[in-house]
């Protein structure tokens, strides 16, 4: 059940050794491919432990692990393009909450998933860490209810944090 050439038509970054990393916020690098299992509901999860952005006031770097989980519909995000997109925040000045919401909104616009959630676990600066979480469930579907339930209970049992 491999993919044919037509199914991989829009993917230009994967396997391309000449790819240049963007120097600024670059949602245009995101690419998709067709979900061949649209009849199934399933999660796809990405973990990005080396996310960086800049404080919009001080210009100091912020570091985080970004977790992206989504239930695809027709389109799925290609992972190398996602890596380049997340890298594009490296010189982007924005608050933690803005980065996380921007990532989610860009991925919704790109894929129109049934459900998506983005969670940023930022390392402390000034003695405090910030862990923004946002999610979305397609309106009018069961995923809208899933989004509310997960938002209302997303951190009821927080993990022990001893690595930050």
N, C-alpha and C. Protein backbone atom coordinates (compact mmCIF):
# COMPACT_ATOMS: atom_id res chain seq x y z
N UNK A 1 0.83 -1.18 0.00
CA UNK A 1 0.00 0.00 0.00
C UNK A 1 0.89 1.25 0.00
N UNK A 2 1.93 1.23 -0.78
CA UNK A 2 2.80 2.41 -0.85
C UNK A 2 2.13 3.51 -1.66
N UNK A 3 2.74 4.65 -1.62
CA UNK A 3 2.18 5.82 -2.30
C UNK A 3 2.72 5.90 -3.72
N UNK A 4 1.85 6.32 -4.63
CA UNK A 4 2.29 6.52 -6.00
C UNK A 4 2.75 7.96 -6.20
N UNK A 5 3.28 8.26 -7.36
CA UNK A 5 3.84 9.59 -7.65
C UNK A 5 2.80 10.69 -7.52
N UNK A 6 1.58 10.41 -7.96
CA UNK A 6 0.52 11.42 -7.86
C UNK A 6 0.22 11.76 -6.41
N UNK A 7 0.28 10.78 -5.52
CA UNK A 7 -0.03 10.98 -4.10
C UNK A 7 1.05 11.77 -3.36
N UNK A 8 2.24 11.81 -3.92
CA UNK A 8 3.34 12.55 -3.28
C UNK A 8 3.70 13.81 -4.06
N UNK A 9 2.85 14.20 -4.99
CA UNK A 9 3.07 15.32 -5.89
C UNK A 9 3.45 16.64 -5.22
N UNK A 10 2.79 17.01 -4.13
CA UNK A 10 3.02 18.31 -3.52
C UNK A 10 4.14 18.35 -2.49
N UNK A 11 4.82 17.24 -2.30
CA UNK A 11 5.88 17.18 -1.28
C UNK A 11 7.21 17.50 -1.94
N UNK A 12 7.78 18.65 -1.56
CA UNK A 12 9.03 19.09 -2.20
C UNK A 12 10.21 19.15 -1.24
N UNK A 13 9.95 19.10 0.07
CA UNK A 13 11.03 19.29 1.05
C UNK A 13 11.66 17.97 1.49
N UNK A 14 10.85 16.93 1.66
CA UNK A 14 11.33 15.65 2.12
C UNK A 14 12.29 15.05 1.09
N UNK A 15 13.50 14.73 1.55
CA UNK A 15 14.51 14.17 0.67
C UNK A 15 15.29 15.20 -0.12
N UNK A 16 14.94 16.46 0.00
CA UNK A 16 15.62 17.53 -0.73
C UNK A 16 16.80 18.02 0.11
N UNK A 17 18.01 17.74 -0.36
CA UNK A 17 19.21 18.12 0.40
C UNK A 17 19.52 19.61 0.32
N UNK A 18 18.89 20.32 -0.61
CA UNK A 18 19.17 21.74 -0.79
C UNK A 18 18.22 22.68 -0.06
N UNK A 19 17.42 22.14 0.85
CA UNK A 19 16.44 22.96 1.56
C UNK A 19 17.14 23.99 2.43
N UNK A 20 16.69 25.21 2.34
CA UNK A 20 17.22 26.29 3.18
C UNK A 20 16.27 26.50 4.35
N UNK A 21 16.85 26.66 5.53
CA UNK A 21 16.04 26.92 6.71
C UNK A 21 15.57 28.37 6.68
N UNK A 22 14.29 28.60 6.96
CA UNK A 22 13.78 29.98 6.94
C UNK A 22 14.39 30.81 8.08
N UNK A 23 14.58 32.09 7.82
CA UNK A 23 15.17 32.96 8.84
C UNK A 23 14.10 33.69 9.64
N UNK A 24 12.85 33.56 9.26
CA UNK A 24 11.74 34.19 9.97
C UNK A 24 10.50 33.33 9.87
N UNK A 25 9.48 33.69 10.59
CA UNK A 25 8.22 32.96 10.62
C UNK A 25 7.76 32.64 9.20
N UNK A 26 7.53 31.36 8.91
CA UNK A 26 7.30 30.93 7.53
C UNK A 26 6.22 29.85 7.42
N UNK A 27 4.95 30.20 7.58
CA UNK A 27 3.90 29.19 7.43
C UNK A 27 3.80 28.64 6.01
N UNK A 28 4.34 29.36 5.04
CA UNK A 28 4.26 28.92 3.65
C UNK A 28 5.08 27.66 3.38
N UNK A 29 5.96 27.26 4.30
CA UNK A 29 6.76 26.04 4.07
C UNK A 29 5.96 24.78 4.36
N UNK A 30 4.82 24.90 5.02
CA UNK A 30 4.04 23.71 5.38
C UNK A 30 3.49 23.02 4.13
N UNK A 31 3.60 21.71 4.13
CA UNK A 31 3.10 20.90 3.02
C UNK A 31 2.20 19.79 3.56
N UNK A 32 1.32 19.30 2.71
CA UNK A 32 0.40 18.24 3.10
C UNK A 32 0.48 17.06 2.14
N UNK A 33 -0.09 15.97 2.59
CA UNK A 33 -0.34 14.82 1.73
C UNK A 33 -1.70 14.25 2.11
N UNK A 34 -2.24 13.41 1.26
CA UNK A 34 -3.59 12.87 1.46
C UNK A 34 -3.56 11.74 2.48
N UNK A 35 -4.51 11.78 3.41
CA UNK A 35 -4.71 10.72 4.39
C UNK A 35 -5.36 9.53 3.68
N UNK A 36 -4.67 8.43 3.62
CA UNK A 36 -5.19 7.24 2.95
C UNK A 36 -6.12 6.43 3.84
N UNK A 37 -6.34 6.88 5.06
CA UNK A 37 -7.16 6.13 6.02
C UNK A 37 -8.26 7.02 6.60
N UNK A 38 -8.92 7.74 5.71
CA UNK A 38 -9.94 8.70 6.15
C UNK A 38 -11.11 8.05 6.86
N UNK A 39 -11.31 6.76 6.66
CA UNK A 39 -12.41 6.06 7.32
C UNK A 39 -12.11 5.78 8.79
N UNK A 40 -10.86 5.95 9.20
CA UNK A 40 -10.45 5.72 10.60
C UNK A 40 -10.26 7.04 11.32
N UNK A 41 -10.64 7.07 12.58
CA UNK A 41 -10.28 8.18 13.45
C UNK A 41 -9.05 7.73 14.23
N UNK A 42 -7.97 8.49 14.12
CA UNK A 42 -6.74 8.16 14.83
C UNK A 42 -5.93 9.42 15.08
N UNK A 43 -5.12 9.37 16.13
CA UNK A 43 -4.26 10.50 16.46
C UNK A 43 -2.91 10.38 15.79
N UNK A 44 -2.39 11.52 15.37
CA UNK A 44 -1.01 11.65 14.94
C UNK A 44 -0.38 12.63 15.93
N UNK A 45 0.76 12.25 16.50
CA UNK A 45 1.38 13.11 17.50
C UNK A 45 2.82 13.43 17.11
N UNK A 46 3.15 14.71 17.20
CA UNK A 46 4.51 15.19 16.98
C UNK A 46 5.04 15.76 18.28
N UNK A 47 6.30 15.48 18.58
CA UNK A 47 6.99 16.06 19.72
C UNK A 47 8.20 16.81 19.19
N UNK A 48 8.29 18.07 19.53
CA UNK A 48 9.42 18.90 19.10
C UNK A 48 10.14 19.40 20.35
N UNK A 49 11.18 18.68 20.81
CA UNK A 49 11.84 19.05 22.06
C UNK A 49 12.84 20.19 21.94
N UNK A 50 13.03 20.72 20.74
CA UNK A 50 14.04 21.77 20.54
C UNK A 50 13.45 23.06 19.98
N UNK A 51 12.21 23.36 20.32
CA UNK A 51 11.56 24.57 19.83
C UNK A 51 12.19 25.80 20.49
N UNK A 52 12.41 26.82 19.68
CA UNK A 52 12.89 28.09 20.22
C UNK A 52 12.13 29.24 19.57
N UNK A 53 11.94 30.28 20.35
CA UNK A 53 11.38 31.54 19.86
C UNK A 53 12.05 32.64 20.66
N UNK A 54 11.65 33.87 20.40
CA UNK A 54 12.25 34.99 21.11
C UNK A 54 11.20 35.74 21.91
N UNK A 55 11.59 36.24 23.07
CA UNK A 55 10.72 37.12 23.83
C UNK A 55 10.51 38.40 23.01
N UNK A 56 9.26 38.83 22.83
CA UNK A 56 9.02 40.02 22.01
C UNK A 56 9.49 41.32 22.65
N UNK A 57 9.77 41.30 23.94
CA UNK A 57 10.20 42.51 24.64
C UNK A 57 11.72 42.55 24.79
N UNK A 58 12.29 41.46 25.31
CA UNK A 58 13.73 41.46 25.60
C UNK A 58 14.58 40.90 24.48
N UNK A 59 13.97 40.11 23.58
CA UNK A 59 14.72 39.45 22.53
C UNK A 59 15.48 38.22 23.00
N UNK A 60 15.31 37.86 24.27
CA UNK A 60 15.99 36.68 24.80
C UNK A 60 15.32 35.42 24.28
N UNK A 61 16.09 34.34 24.12
CA UNK A 61 15.51 33.10 23.59
C UNK A 61 14.64 32.39 24.62
N UNK A 62 13.60 31.77 24.13
CA UNK A 62 12.74 30.91 24.92
C UNK A 62 12.82 29.51 24.32
N UNK A 63 12.82 28.50 25.18
CA UNK A 63 12.98 27.11 24.75
C UNK A 63 11.78 26.30 25.25
N UNK A 64 11.34 25.36 24.42
CA UNK A 64 10.17 24.56 24.80
C UNK A 64 10.18 23.22 24.09
N UNK A 65 9.39 22.32 24.63
CA UNK A 65 8.97 21.14 23.90
C UNK A 65 7.55 21.42 23.45
N UNK A 66 7.31 21.24 22.17
CA UNK A 66 5.98 21.45 21.60
C UNK A 66 5.38 20.09 21.27
N UNK A 67 4.17 19.86 21.75
CA UNK A 67 3.42 18.63 21.45
C UNK A 67 2.25 19.01 20.56
N UNK A 68 2.16 18.37 19.42
CA UNK A 68 1.05 18.58 18.49
C UNK A 68 0.39 17.23 18.27
N UNK A 69 -0.90 17.14 18.57
CA UNK A 69 -1.68 15.92 18.33
C UNK A 69 -2.89 16.30 17.50
N UNK A 70 -3.19 15.50 16.50
CA UNK A 70 -4.38 15.80 15.70
C UNK A 70 -5.01 14.54 15.15
N UNK A 71 -6.28 14.65 14.86
CA UNK A 71 -7.03 13.60 14.18
C UNK A 71 -7.25 14.09 12.76
N UNK A 72 -6.59 13.47 11.79
CA UNK A 72 -6.68 13.98 10.42
C UNK A 72 -8.02 13.67 9.77
N UNK A 73 -8.32 14.48 8.76
CA UNK A 73 -9.45 14.18 7.89
C UNK A 73 -8.86 13.84 6.52
N UNK A 74 -8.92 14.75 5.58
CA UNK A 74 -8.42 14.48 4.23
C UNK A 74 -6.92 14.73 4.11
N UNK A 75 -6.44 15.80 4.72
CA UNK A 75 -5.03 16.19 4.59
C UNK A 75 -4.26 15.94 5.87
N UNK A 76 -2.98 15.64 5.69
CA UNK A 76 -2.06 15.46 6.81
C UNK A 76 -0.84 16.34 6.57
N UNK A 77 -0.21 16.81 7.64
CA UNK A 77 0.98 17.65 7.49
C UNK A 77 2.19 16.75 7.28
N UNK A 78 3.04 17.15 6.36
CA UNK A 78 4.28 16.42 6.09
C UNK A 78 5.30 16.83 7.15
N UNK A 79 5.99 15.86 7.75
CA UNK A 79 6.79 16.12 8.95
C UNK A 79 8.02 16.99 8.71
N UNK A 80 8.70 16.88 7.59
CA UNK A 80 9.86 17.75 7.38
C UNK A 80 9.42 19.20 7.22
N UNK A 81 8.30 19.42 6.54
CA UNK A 81 7.81 20.79 6.41
C UNK A 81 7.40 21.34 7.77
N UNK A 82 6.84 20.48 8.63
CA UNK A 82 6.49 20.90 9.98
C UNK A 82 7.75 21.26 10.77
N UNK A 83 8.79 20.48 10.61
CA UNK A 83 10.06 20.77 11.29
C UNK A 83 10.60 22.13 10.85
N UNK A 84 10.59 22.40 9.56
CA UNK A 84 11.07 23.69 9.05
C UNK A 84 10.18 24.84 9.53
N UNK A 85 8.88 24.59 9.56
CA UNK A 85 7.94 25.60 10.05
C UNK A 85 8.21 25.93 11.52
N UNK A 86 8.35 24.91 12.35
CA UNK A 86 8.62 25.15 13.77
C UNK A 86 9.97 25.84 13.95
N UNK A 87 10.95 25.48 13.13
CA UNK A 87 12.26 26.14 13.17
C UNK A 87 12.13 27.63 12.84
N UNK A 88 11.14 27.98 12.03
CA UNK A 88 10.98 29.37 11.59
C UNK A 88 10.62 30.31 12.74
N UNK A 89 10.26 29.76 13.88
CA UNK A 89 9.96 30.58 15.06
C UNK A 89 11.24 31.01 15.78
N UNK A 90 12.38 30.46 15.38
CA UNK A 90 13.65 30.69 16.07
C UNK A 90 13.98 32.18 16.22
N UNK A 91 13.68 32.98 15.22
CA UNK A 91 13.93 34.42 15.27
C UNK A 91 12.64 35.23 15.38
N UNK A 92 11.56 34.56 15.72
CA UNK A 92 10.23 35.18 15.80
C UNK A 92 9.98 35.63 17.23
N UNK A 93 9.67 36.89 17.41
CA UNK A 93 9.38 37.43 18.73
C UNK A 93 7.90 37.38 19.04
N UNK A 94 7.52 36.53 19.98
CA UNK A 94 6.13 36.44 20.40
C UNK A 94 6.06 35.79 21.77
N UNK A 95 4.99 36.06 22.49
CA UNK A 95 4.78 35.42 23.77
C UNK A 95 4.47 33.94 23.57
N UNK A 96 4.71 33.14 24.61
CA UNK A 96 4.51 31.69 24.52
C UNK A 96 3.10 31.35 24.05
N UNK A 97 2.12 32.01 24.66
CA UNK A 97 0.72 31.73 24.34
C UNK A 97 0.42 32.03 22.87
N UNK A 98 1.03 33.10 22.36
CA UNK A 98 0.81 33.47 20.95
C UNK A 98 1.41 32.44 20.02
N UNK A 99 2.62 31.97 20.33
CA UNK A 99 3.27 30.96 19.49
C UNK A 99 2.41 29.71 19.38
N UNK A 100 1.90 29.23 20.51
CA UNK A 100 1.12 28.00 20.53
C UNK A 100 -0.18 28.16 19.74
N UNK A 101 -0.88 29.27 19.95
CA UNK A 101 -2.12 29.50 19.21
C UNK A 101 -1.87 29.71 17.73
N UNK A 102 -0.78 30.37 17.37
CA UNK A 102 -0.43 30.57 15.96
C UNK A 102 -0.17 29.23 15.28
N UNK A 103 0.58 28.37 15.95
CA UNK A 103 0.86 27.04 15.40
C UNK A 103 -0.44 26.30 15.14
N UNK A 104 -1.33 26.29 16.13
CA UNK A 104 -2.59 25.58 15.95
C UNK A 104 -3.41 26.16 14.80
N UNK A 105 -3.54 27.48 14.75
CA UNK A 105 -4.34 28.10 13.69
C UNK A 105 -3.75 27.86 12.30
N UNK A 106 -2.43 27.90 12.19
CA UNK A 106 -1.80 27.63 10.90
C UNK A 106 -2.07 26.19 10.45
N UNK A 107 -2.03 25.25 11.39
CA UNK A 107 -2.27 23.84 11.04
C UNK A 107 -3.74 23.59 10.72
N UNK A 108 -4.65 24.29 11.39
CA UNK A 108 -6.07 24.18 11.04
C UNK A 108 -6.29 24.69 9.62
N UNK A 109 -5.71 25.84 9.31
CA UNK A 109 -5.86 26.42 7.97
C UNK A 109 -5.27 25.48 6.91
N UNK A 110 -4.16 24.84 7.23
CA UNK A 110 -3.48 23.95 6.29
C UNK A 110 -4.26 22.66 6.05
N UNK A 111 -4.71 22.01 7.12
CA UNK A 111 -5.24 20.65 7.01
C UNK A 111 -6.73 20.50 7.21
N UNK A 112 -7.36 21.42 7.92
CA UNK A 112 -8.75 21.27 8.35
C UNK A 112 -8.95 19.92 9.05
N UNK A 113 -8.20 19.69 10.15
CA UNK A 113 -8.33 18.41 10.84
C UNK A 113 -9.66 18.30 11.58
N UNK A 114 -10.02 17.07 11.94
CA UNK A 114 -11.22 16.87 12.75
C UNK A 114 -10.98 17.44 14.15
N UNK A 115 -9.77 17.24 14.66
CA UNK A 115 -9.40 17.68 16.00
C UNK A 115 -7.91 17.97 16.02
N UNK A 116 -7.51 18.97 16.82
CA UNK A 116 -6.09 19.26 16.99
C UNK A 116 -5.87 19.89 18.36
N UNK A 117 -4.70 19.59 18.95
CA UNK A 117 -4.29 20.25 20.17
C UNK A 117 -2.79 20.52 20.10
N UNK A 118 -2.40 21.65 20.67
CA UNK A 118 -1.00 22.05 20.70
C UNK A 118 -0.68 22.47 22.13
N UNK A 119 0.40 21.92 22.65
CA UNK A 119 0.80 22.18 24.02
C UNK A 119 2.26 22.54 24.02
N UNK A 120 2.59 23.68 24.58
CA UNK A 120 3.98 24.10 24.70
C UNK A 120 4.43 24.02 26.14
N UNK A 121 5.52 23.33 26.38
CA UNK A 121 6.08 23.24 27.73
C UNK A 121 7.42 23.97 27.70
N UNK A 122 7.38 25.22 28.12
CA UNK A 122 8.54 26.10 28.05
C UNK A 122 9.41 25.97 29.29
N UNK A 123 10.71 26.06 29.08
CA UNK A 123 11.63 26.03 30.21
C UNK A 123 11.52 27.35 30.96
N UNK A 124 11.85 27.35 32.24
CA UNK A 124 11.68 28.57 33.03
C UNK A 124 12.65 29.67 32.64
N UNK A 125 12.15 30.88 32.74
CA UNK A 125 12.99 32.09 32.71
C UNK A 125 12.49 32.94 33.84
N UNK A 126 13.39 33.45 34.62
CA UNK A 126 12.99 34.26 35.78
C UNK A 126 12.27 33.44 36.83
N UNK A 127 12.54 32.14 36.87
CA UNK A 127 11.98 31.30 37.91
C UNK A 127 10.57 30.79 37.66
N UNK A 128 10.05 30.96 36.43
CA UNK A 128 8.68 30.49 36.15
C UNK A 128 8.64 29.88 34.75
N UNK A 129 7.93 28.77 34.65
CA UNK A 129 7.70 28.18 33.34
C UNK A 129 6.25 28.43 32.94
N UNK A 130 6.00 28.48 31.66
CA UNK A 130 4.66 28.71 31.14
C UNK A 130 4.35 27.58 30.17
N UNK A 131 3.21 26.94 30.34
CA UNK A 131 2.84 25.78 29.52
C UNK A 131 1.48 25.99 28.86
N UNK A 132 1.40 26.83 27.83
CA UNK A 132 0.09 27.08 27.19
C UNK A 132 -0.41 25.86 26.41
N UNK A 133 -1.70 25.67 26.45
CA UNK A 133 -2.37 24.56 25.77
C UNK A 133 -3.57 25.14 25.02
N UNK A 134 -3.75 24.73 23.78
CA UNK A 134 -4.95 25.12 23.04
C UNK A 134 -5.41 23.94 22.20
N UNK A 135 -6.68 23.94 21.87
CA UNK A 135 -7.19 22.86 21.03
C UNK A 135 -8.38 23.35 20.22
N UNK A 136 -8.80 22.48 19.31
CA UNK A 136 -9.91 22.80 18.39
C UNK A 136 -10.56 21.49 17.97
N UNK A 137 -11.87 21.48 17.98
CA UNK A 137 -12.64 20.38 17.41
C UNK A 137 -13.58 20.95 16.37
N UNK A 138 -13.66 20.29 15.25
CA UNK A 138 -14.49 20.82 14.17
C UNK A 138 -15.92 21.06 14.65
N UNK A 139 -16.41 22.30 14.46
CA UNK A 139 -17.77 22.66 14.93
C UNK A 139 -18.84 21.76 14.32
N UNK A 140 -19.82 21.43 15.16
CA UNK A 140 -20.95 20.63 14.69
C UNK A 140 -20.68 19.15 14.61
N UNK A 141 -19.51 18.71 15.10
CA UNK A 141 -19.17 17.28 15.09
C UNK A 141 -18.87 16.82 16.51
N UNK A 142 -18.71 15.52 16.69
CA UNK A 142 -18.35 15.00 18.01
C UNK A 142 -17.01 15.56 18.47
N UNK A 143 -16.18 16.00 17.54
CA UNK A 143 -14.85 16.52 17.90
C UNK A 143 -14.94 17.87 18.60
N UNK A 144 -16.00 18.60 18.38
CA UNK A 144 -16.21 19.84 19.12
C UNK A 144 -16.37 19.53 20.62
N UNK A 145 -17.10 18.45 20.94
CA UNK A 145 -17.27 18.04 22.34
C UNK A 145 -15.97 17.49 22.92
N UNK A 146 -15.23 16.74 22.12
CA UNK A 146 -13.94 16.22 22.56
C UNK A 146 -13.02 17.39 22.93
N UNK A 147 -13.02 18.42 22.10
CA UNK A 147 -12.16 19.59 22.36
C UNK A 147 -12.52 20.23 23.70
N UNK A 148 -13.79 20.41 23.96
CA UNK A 148 -14.19 21.02 25.22
C UNK A 148 -13.79 20.14 26.40
N UNK A 149 -14.05 18.84 26.29
CA UNK A 149 -13.70 17.93 27.39
C UNK A 149 -12.21 17.92 27.67
N UNK A 150 -11.39 17.87 26.61
CA UNK A 150 -9.94 17.85 26.80
C UNK A 150 -9.43 19.18 27.34
N UNK A 151 -10.01 20.28 26.90
CA UNK A 151 -9.61 21.58 27.42
C UNK A 151 -9.95 21.70 28.91
N UNK A 152 -11.15 21.27 29.25
CA UNK A 152 -11.59 21.38 30.64
C UNK A 152 -10.79 20.48 31.58
N UNK A 153 -10.23 19.39 31.05
CA UNK A 153 -9.53 18.43 31.90
C UNK A 153 -8.09 18.17 31.48
N UNK A 154 -7.53 19.02 30.65
CA UNK A 154 -6.23 18.71 30.05
C UNK A 154 -5.10 18.56 31.04
N UNK A 155 -5.16 19.19 32.19
CA UNK A 155 -4.04 19.12 33.12
C UNK A 155 -4.51 18.74 34.52
N UNK A 156 -5.52 17.88 34.58
CA UNK A 156 -6.05 17.46 35.87
C UNK A 156 -5.01 16.66 36.66
N UNK A 157 -4.15 15.94 35.95
CA UNK A 157 -3.13 15.11 36.58
C UNK A 157 -1.77 15.47 35.99
N UNK A 158 -1.25 16.64 36.33
CA UNK A 158 0.01 17.07 35.72
C UNK A 158 1.16 16.13 36.07
N UNK A 159 2.08 16.01 35.13
CA UNK A 159 3.24 15.16 35.36
C UNK A 159 4.18 15.81 36.35
N UNK A 160 5.03 15.01 36.95
CA UNK A 160 6.04 15.55 37.83
C UNK A 160 7.07 16.25 36.96
N UNK A 161 7.35 17.50 37.25
CA UNK A 161 8.30 18.27 36.48
C UNK A 161 9.59 18.36 37.27
N UNK A 162 10.61 17.63 36.81
CA UNK A 162 11.89 17.70 37.49
C UNK A 162 13.05 17.89 36.52
N UNK A 163 12.72 18.14 35.28
CA UNK A 163 13.77 18.31 34.27
C UNK A 163 13.88 19.73 33.76
N UNK A 164 13.25 20.69 34.45
CA UNK A 164 13.33 22.07 33.98
C UNK A 164 13.79 22.96 35.08
